[in-house]
């Protein structure tokens, strides 16, 4: 599955676009600029995304990669 396919599935399931997910990251204090804020642990984000959005582990980790700046829209 491509990274874009993960993002597409997340949007279909939750209605949240990558921009919405980045905004959520900023609102929760998870990000600083284009990466994770110092001291933020990926599993904290994963557990919140699982609980609040109903994402599975793999899809939540895709959001972490997006928030870290490791992946972006359109990536394979």
PDB file of N, CA and C in Angstrom:
ATOM      1  N   UNK A   1       0.856  -1.173   0.000  1.00  0.00           N
ATOM      2  CA  UNK A   1       0.000   0.000   0.000  1.00  0.00           C
ATOM      3  C   UNK A   1       0.903   1.237   0.000  1.00  0.00           C
ATOM      4  N   UNK A   2       0.607   2.162  -0.861  1.00  0.00           N
ATOM      5  CA  UNK A   2       1.388   3.398  -0.913  1.00  0.00           C
ATOM      6  C   UNK A   2       1.004   4.318   0.247  1.00  0.00           C
ATOM      7  N   UNK A   3       1.888   5.259   0.529  1.00  0.00           N
ATOM      8  CA  UNK A   3       1.596   6.222   1.590  1.00  0.00           C
ATOM      9  C   UNK A   3       0.333   7.006   1.248  1.00  0.00           C
ATOM     10  N   UNK A   4       0.194   7.389  -0.017  1.00  0.00           N
ATOM     11  CA  UNK A   4      -0.998   8.130  -0.432  1.00  0.00           C
ATOM     12  C   UNK A   4      -2.252   7.305  -0.201  1.00  0.00           C
ATOM     13  N   UNK A   5      -2.161   5.995  -0.409  1.00  0.00           N
ATOM     14  CA  UNK A   5      -3.321   5.127  -0.171  1.00  0.00           C
ATOM     15  C   UNK A   5      -3.709   5.145   1.311  1.00  0.00           C
ATOM     16  N   UNK A   6      -2.705   5.182   2.199  1.00  0.00           N
ATOM     17  CA  UNK A   6      -3.002   5.304   3.629  1.00  0.00           C
ATOM     18  C   UNK A   6      -3.760   6.608   3.888  1.00  0.00           C
ATOM     19  N   UNK A   7      -3.254   7.718   3.334  1.00  0.00           N
ATOM     20  CA  UNK A   7      -3.914   9.013   3.542  1.00  0.00           C
ATOM     21  C   UNK A   7      -5.332   9.012   2.989  1.00  0.00           C
ATOM     22  N   UNK A   8      -5.516   8.404   1.818  1.00  0.00           N
ATOM     23  CA  UNK A   8      -6.855   8.334   1.217  1.00  0.00           C
ATOM     24  C   UNK A   8      -7.816   7.550   2.114  1.00  0.00           C
ATOM     25  N   UNK A   9      -7.345   6.441   2.650  1.00  0.00           N
ATOM     26  CA  UNK A   9      -8.183   5.619   3.525  1.00  0.00           C
ATOM     27  C   UNK A   9      -8.529   6.361   4.808  1.00  0.00           C
ATOM     28  N   UNK A  10      -7.538   7.068   5.368  1.00  0.00           N
ATOM     29  CA  UNK A  10      -7.784   7.857   6.589  1.00  0.00           C
ATOM     30  C   UNK A  10      -8.842   8.920   6.321  1.00  0.00           C
ATOM     31  N   UNK A  11      -8.746   9.587   5.172  1.00  0.00           N
ATOM     32  CA  UNK A  11      -9.729  10.628   4.848  1.00  0.00           C
ATOM     33  C   UNK A  11     -11.119  10.032   4.658  1.00  0.00           C
ATOM     34  N   UNK A  12     -11.202   8.881   3.995  1.00  0.00           N
ATOM     35  CA  UNK A  12     -12.505   8.244   3.800  1.00  0.00           C
ATOM     36  C   UNK A  12     -13.118   7.834   5.133  1.00  0.00           C
ATOM     37  N   UNK A  13     -12.281   7.340   6.043  1.00  0.00           N
ATOM     38  CA  UNK A  13     -12.785   6.852   7.328  1.00  0.00           C
ATOM     39  C   UNK A  13     -13.144   7.993   8.285  1.00  0.00           C
ATOM     40  N   UNK A  14     -12.323   9.046   8.295  1.00  0.00           N
ATOM     41  CA  UNK A  14     -12.478  10.085   9.317  1.00  0.00           C
ATOM     42  C   UNK A  14     -12.952  11.428   8.778  1.00  0.00           C
ATOM     43  N   UNK A  15     -12.816  11.630   7.456  1.00  0.00           N
ATOM     44  CA  UNK A  15     -13.133  12.930   6.874  1.00  0.00           C
ATOM     45  C   UNK A  15     -12.004  13.934   7.037  1.00  0.00           C
ATOM     46  N   UNK A  16     -10.873  13.503   7.605  1.00  0.00           N
ATOM     47  CA  UNK A  16      -9.749  14.405   7.857  1.00  0.00           C
ATOM     48  C   UNK A  16      -8.722  14.317   6.732  1.00  0.00           C
ATOM     49  N   UNK A  17      -8.395  15.485   6.184  1.00  0.00           N
ATOM     50  CA  UNK A  17      -7.375  15.591   5.149  1.00  0.00           C
ATOM     51  C   UNK A  17      -5.997  15.660   5.809  1.00  0.00           C
ATOM     52  N   UNK A  18      -4.916  15.527   5.025  1.00  0.00           N
ATOM     53  CA  UNK A  18      -3.585  15.717   5.607  1.00  0.00           C
ATOM     54  C   UNK A  18      -3.446  17.083   6.293  1.00  0.00           C
ATOM     55  N   UNK A  19      -4.022  18.117   5.718  1.00  0.00           N
ATOM     56  CA  UNK A  19      -3.972  19.446   6.349  1.00  0.00           C
ATOM     57  C   UNK A  19      -4.696  19.429   7.691  1.00  0.00           C
ATOM     58  N   UNK A  20      -5.828  18.737   7.762  1.00  0.00           N
ATOM     59  CA  UNK A  20      -6.565  18.613   9.025  1.00  0.00           C
ATOM     60  C   UNK A  20      -5.727  17.874  10.068  1.00  0.00           C
ATOM     61  N   UNK A  21      -5.024  16.833   9.630  1.00  0.00           N
ATOM     62  CA  UNK A  21      -4.196  16.049  10.543  1.00  0.00           C
ATOM     63  C   UNK A  21      -3.016  16.879  11.045  1.00  0.00           C
ATOM     64  N   UNK A  22      -2.437  17.689  10.176  1.00  0.00           N
ATOM     65  CA  UNK A  22      -1.353  18.582  10.605  1.00  0.00           C
ATOM     66  C   UNK A  22      -1.884  19.613  11.612  1.00  0.00           C
ATOM     67  N   UNK A  23      -3.080  20.133  11.346  1.00  0.00           N
ATOM     68  CA  UNK A  23      -3.688  21.093  12.279  1.00  0.00           C
ATOM     69  C   UNK A  23      -3.957  20.419  13.622  1.00  0.00           C
ATOM     70  N   UNK A  24      -4.415  19.184  13.596  1.00  0.00           N
ATOM     71  CA  UNK A  24      -4.657  18.432  14.826  1.00  0.00           C
ATOM     72  C   UNK A  24      -3.347  18.262  15.594  1.00  0.00           C
ATOM     73  N   UNK A  25      -2.272  17.973  14.864  1.00  0.00           N
ATOM     74  CA  UNK A  25      -0.965  17.834  15.491  1.00  0.00           C
ATOM     75  C   UNK A  25      -0.520  19.121  16.167  1.00  0.00           C
ATOM     76  N   UNK A  26      -0.745  20.230  15.501  1.00  0.00           N
ATOM     77  CA  UNK A  26      -0.369  21.531  16.068  1.00  0.00           C
ATOM     78  C   UNK A  26      -1.234  21.851  17.286  1.00  0.00           C
ATOM     79  N   UNK A  27      -2.542  21.617  17.189  1.00  0.00           N
ATOM     80  CA  UNK A  27      -3.462  21.904  18.290  1.00  0.00           C
ATOM     81  C   UNK A  27      -3.134  21.086  19.541  1.00  0.00           C
ATOM     82  N   UNK A  28      -2.672  19.860  19.322  1.00  0.00           N
ATOM     83  CA  UNK A  28      -2.338  18.983  20.447  1.00  0.00           C
ATOM     84  C   UNK A  28      -0.913  19.184  20.953  1.00  0.00           C
ATOM     85  N   UNK A  29      -0.170  20.079  20.309  1.00  0.00           N
ATOM     86  CA  UNK A  29       1.204  20.333  20.733  1.00  0.00           C
ATOM     87  C   UNK A  29       2.182  19.250  20.332  1.00  0.00           C
ATOM     88  N   UNK A  30       1.779  18.431  19.356  1.00  0.00           N
ATOM     89  CA  UNK A  30       2.637  17.334  18.905  1.00  0.00           C
ATOM     90  C   UNK A  30       3.731  17.802  17.954  1.00  0.00           C
ATOM     91  N   UNK A  31       3.498  18.910  17.282  1.00  0.00           N
ATOM     92  CA  UNK A  31       4.437  19.343  16.253  1.00  0.00           C
ATOM     93  C   UNK A  31       5.050  20.694  16.586  1.00  0.00           C
ATOM     94  N   UNK A  32       6.224  20.887  15.999  1.00  0.00           N
ATOM     95  CA  UNK A  32       6.932  22.165  16.065  1.00  0.00           C
ATOM     96  C   UNK A  32       7.447  22.395  14.648  1.00  0.00           C
ATOM     97  N   UNK A  33       6.772  23.273  13.930  1.00  0.00           N
ATOM     98  CA  UNK A  33       7.137  23.464  12.527  1.00  0.00           C
ATOM     99  C   UNK A  33       6.749  22.242  11.722  1.00  0.00           C
ATOM    100  N   UNK A  34       7.724  21.701  10.997  1.00  0.00           N
ATOM    101  CA  UNK A  34       7.452  20.567  10.106  1.00  0.00           C
ATOM    102  C   UNK A  34       7.853  19.220  10.685  1.00  0.00           C
ATOM    103  N   UNK A  35       7.991  19.129  11.996  1.00  0.00           N
ATOM    104  CA  UNK A  35       8.378  17.866  12.615  1.00  0.00           C
ATOM    105  C   UNK A  35       7.732  17.754  13.996  1.00  0.00           C
ATOM    106  N   UNK A  36       8.011  16.666  14.683  1.00  0.00           N
ATOM    107  CA  UNK A  36       7.464  16.496  16.021  1.00  0.00           C
ATOM    108  C   UNK A  36       8.143  17.446  16.997  1.00  0.00           C
ATOM    109  N   UNK A  37       7.378  17.896  17.946  1.00  0.00           N
ATOM    110  CA  UNK A  37       7.914  18.764  18.997  1.00  0.00           C
ATOM    111  C   UNK A  37       8.853  17.943  19.889  1.00  0.00           C
ATOM    112  N   UNK A  38       9.840  18.595  20.470  1.00  0.00           N
ATOM    113  CA  UNK A  38      10.748  17.879  21.378  1.00  0.00           C
ATOM    114  C   UNK A  38       9.970  17.199  22.500  1.00  0.00           C
ATOM    115  N   UNK A  39      10.353  15.965  22.776  1.00  0.00           N
ATOM    116  CA  UNK A  39       9.742  15.212  23.860  1.00  0.00           C
ATOM    117  C   UNK A  39       8.462  14.479  23.507  1.00  0.00           C
ATOM    118  N   UNK A  40       7.937  14.693  22.311  1.00  0.00           N
ATOM    119  CA  UNK A  40       6.705  14.001  21.914  1.00  0.00           C
ATOM    120  C   UNK A  40       7.050  12.602  21.426  1.00  0.00           C
ATOM    121  N   UNK A  41       6.419  11.620  22.021  1.00  0.00           N
ATOM    122  CA  UNK A  41       6.655  10.232  21.647  1.00  0.00           C
ATOM    123  C   UNK A  41       5.603   9.797  20.626  1.00  0.00           C
ATOM    124  N   UNK A  42       6.038   9.151  19.551  1.00  0.00           N
ATOM    125  CA  UNK A  42       5.089   8.711  18.528  1.00  0.00           C
ATOM    126  C   UNK A  42       3.925   7.886  19.072  1.00  0.00           C
ATOM    127  N   UNK A  43       4.183   7.048  20.069  1.00  0.00           N
ATOM    128  CA  UNK A  43       3.096   6.198  20.572  1.00  0.00           C
ATOM    129  C   UNK A  43       2.021   7.009  21.288  1.00  0.00           C
ATOM    130  N   UNK A  44       2.364   8.168  21.806  1.00  0.00           N
ATOM    131  CA  UNK A  44       1.352   9.055  22.388  1.00  0.00           C
ATOM    132  C   UNK A  44       0.369   9.478  21.306  1.00  0.00           C
ATOM    133  N   UNK A  45       0.907   9.835  20.151  1.00  0.00           N
ATOM    134  CA  UNK A  45       0.074  10.241  19.015  1.00  0.00           C
ATOM    135  C   UNK A  45      -0.752   9.061  18.532  1.00  0.00           C
ATOM    136  N   UNK A  46      -0.110   7.909  18.385  1.00  0.00           N
ATOM    137  CA  UNK A  46      -0.790   6.705  17.891  1.00  0.00           C
ATOM    138  C   UNK A  46      -1.979   6.360  18.782  1.00  0.00           C
ATOM    139  N   UNK A  47      -1.768   6.345  20.088  1.00  0.00           N
ATOM    140  CA  UNK A  47      -2.854   5.980  21.000  1.00  0.00           C
ATOM    141  C   UNK A  47      -4.013   6.978  20.919  1.00  0.00           C
ATOM    142  N   UNK A  48      -3.709   8.257  20.782  1.00  0.00           N
ATOM    143  CA  UNK A  48      -4.763   9.266  20.645  1.00  0.00           C
ATOM    144  C   UNK A  48      -5.530   9.063  19.348  1.00  0.00           C
ATOM    145  N   UNK A  49      -4.817   8.833  18.243  1.00  0.00           N
ATOM    146  CA  UNK A  49      -5.481   8.636  16.952  1.00  0.00           C
ATOM    147  C   UNK A  49      -6.347   7.381  16.946  1.00  0.00           C
ATOM    148  N   UNK A  50      -5.876   6.345  17.608  1.00  0.00           N
ATOM    149  CA  UNK A  50      -6.682   5.126  17.713  1.00  0.00           C
ATOM    150  C   UNK A  50      -7.961   5.408  18.498  1.00  0.00           C
ATOM    151  N   UNK A  51      -7.815   6.106  19.619  1.00  0.00           N
ATOM    152  CA  UNK A  51      -8.967   6.368  20.481  1.00  0.00           C
ATOM    153  C   UNK A  51      -9.942   7.379  19.915  1.00  0.00           C
ATOM    154  N   UNK A  52      -9.428   8.495  19.390  1.00  0.00           N
ATOM    155  CA  UNK A  52     -10.301   9.575  18.930  1.00  0.00           C
ATOM    156  C   UNK A  52     -10.831   9.374  17.513  1.00  0.00           C
ATOM    157  N   UNK A  53     -10.003   8.806  16.640  1.00  0.00           N
ATOM    158  CA  UNK A  53     -10.407   8.671  15.237  1.00  0.00           C
ATOM    159  C   UNK A  53     -10.710   7.237  14.828  1.00  0.00           C
ATOM    160  N   UNK A  54     -10.406   6.288  15.697  1.00  0.00           N
ATOM    161  CA  UNK A  54     -10.664   4.888  15.375  1.00  0.00           C
ATOM    162  C   UNK A  54      -9.702   4.314  14.351  1.00  0.00           C
ATOM    163  N   UNK A  55      -8.508   4.888  14.243  1.00  0.00           N
ATOM    164  CA  UNK A  55      -7.525   4.384  13.283  1.00  0.00           C
ATOM    165  C   UNK A  55      -6.859   3.130  13.827  1.00  0.00           C
ATOM    166  N   UNK A  56      -6.425   2.278  12.902  1.00  0.00           N
ATOM    167  CA  UNK A  56      -5.603   1.143  13.274  1.00  0.00           C
ATOM    168  C   UNK A  56      -4.170   1.598  13.452  1.00  0.00           C
ATOM    169  N   UNK A  57      -3.325   0.696  13.924  1.00  0.00           N
ATOM    170  CA  UNK A  57      -1.945   1.040  14.217  1.00  0.00           C
ATOM    171  C   UNK A  57      -1.192   1.538  12.981  1.00  0.00           C
ATOM    172  N   UNK A  58      -1.317   0.831  11.869  1.00  0.00           N
ATOM    173  CA  UNK A  58      -0.594   1.221  10.650  1.00  0.00           C
ATOM    174  C   UNK A  58      -1.000   2.585  10.132  1.00  0.00           C
ATOM    175  N   UNK A  59      -2.282   2.867  10.152  1.00  0.00           N
ATOM    176  CA  UNK A  59      -2.758   4.161   9.673  1.00  0.00           C
ATOM    177  C   UNK A  59      -2.343   5.278  10.627  1.00  0.00           C
ATOM    178  N   UNK A  60      -2.362   4.993  11.927  1.00  0.00           N
ATOM    179  CA  UNK A  60      -1.905   5.988  12.896  1.00  0.00           C
ATOM    180  C   UNK A  60      -0.416   6.269  12.717  1.00  0.00           C
ATOM    181  N   UNK A  61       0.370   5.236  12.428  1.00  0.00           N
ATOM    182  CA  UNK A  61       1.804   5.431  12.183  1.00  0.00           C
ATOM    183  C   UNK A  61       2.036   6.238  10.911  1.00  0.00           C
ATOM    184  N   UNK A  62       1.158   6.111   9.929  1.00  0.00           N
ATOM    185  CA  UNK A  62       1.263   6.930   8.722  1.00  0.00           C
ATOM    186  C   UNK A  62       1.068   8.407   9.079  1.00  0.00           C
ATOM    187  N   UNK A  63       0.156   8.695   9.981  1.00  0.00           N
ATOM    188  CA  UNK A  63      -0.041  10.078  10.424  1.00  0.00           C
ATOM    189  C   UNK A  63       1.217  10.576  11.137  1.00  0.00           C
ATOM    190  N   UNK A  64       1.824   9.732  11.944  1.00  0.00           N
ATOM    191  CA  UNK A  64       3.072  10.113  12.620  1.00  0.00           C
ATOM    192  C   UNK A  64       4.134  10.460  11.579  1.00  0.00           C
ATOM    193  N   UNK A  65       4.268   9.641  10.541  1.00  0.00           N
ATOM    194  CA  UNK A  65       5.243   9.922   9.485  1.00  0.00           C
ATOM    195  C   UNK A  65       4.937  11.259   8.805  1.00  0.00           C
ATOM    196  N   UNK A  66       3.666  11.551   8.603  1.00  0.00           N
ATOM    197  CA  UNK A  66       3.250  12.826   8.031  1.00  0.00           C
ATOM    198  C   UNK A  66       3.655  13.978   8.946  1.00  0.00           C
ATOM    199  N   UNK A  67       3.382  13.834  10.235  1.00  0.00           N
ATOM    200  CA  UNK A  67       3.683  14.885  11.187  1.00  0.00           C
ATOM    201  C   UNK A  67       5.187  15.074  11.386  1.00  0.00           C
ATOM    202  N   UNK A  68       5.950  13.996  11.249  1.00  0.00           N
ATOM    203  CA  UNK A  68       7.407  14.087  11.359  1.00  0.00           C
ATOM    204  C   UNK A  68       8.033  14.730  10.133  1.00  0.00           C
ATOM    205  N   UNK A  69       7.262  14.775   9.045  1.00  0.00           N
ATOM    206  CA  UNK A  69       7.810  15.303   7.804  1.00  0.00           C
ATOM    207  C   UNK A  69       8.570  14.264   6.997  1.00  0.00           C
ATOM    208  N   UNK A  70       8.461  12.998   7.394  1.00  0.00           N
ATOM    209  CA  UNK A  70       9.151  11.923   6.675  1.00  0.00           C
ATOM    210  C   UNK A  70       8.452  11.561   5.378  1.00  0.00           C
ATOM    211  N   UNK A  71       7.163  11.757   5.346  1.00  0.00           N
ATOM    212  CA  UNK A  71       6.345  11.449   4.173  1.00  0.00           C
ATOM    213  C   UNK A  71       5.418  12.629   3.906  1.00  0.00           C
ATOM    214  N   UNK A  72       4.964  12.713   2.652  1.00  0.00           N
ATOM    215  CA  UNK A  72       4.014  13.769   2.292  1.00  0.00           C
ATOM    216  C   UNK A  72       3.016  13.227   1.289  1.00  0.00           C
ATOM    217  N   UNK A  73       2.008  14.025   1.021  1.00  0.00           N
ATOM    218  CA  UNK A  73       0.991  13.638   0.069  1.00  0.00           C
ATOM    219  C   UNK A  73       1.653  13.260  -1.260  1.00  0.00           C
ATOM    220  N   UNK A  74       1.143  12.201  -1.871  1.00  0.00           N
ATOM    221  CA  UNK A  74       1.636  11.761  -3.159  1.00  0.00           C
ATOM    222  C   UNK A  74       2.783  10.769  -3.089  1.00  0.00           C
ATOM    223  N   UNK A  75       3.349  10.546  -1.897  1.00  0.00           N
ATOM    224  CA  UNK A  75       4.457   9.583  -1.771  1.00  0.00           C
ATOM    225  C   UNK A  75       3.952   8.173  -2.013  1.00  0.00           C
ATOM    226  N   UNK A  76       4.818   7.392  -2.607  1.00  0.00           N
ATOM    227  CA  UNK A  76       4.480   5.994  -2.896  1.00  0.00           C
ATOM    228  C   UNK A  76       4.583   5.143  -1.648  1.00  0.00           C
TER     229      UNK A  76
END
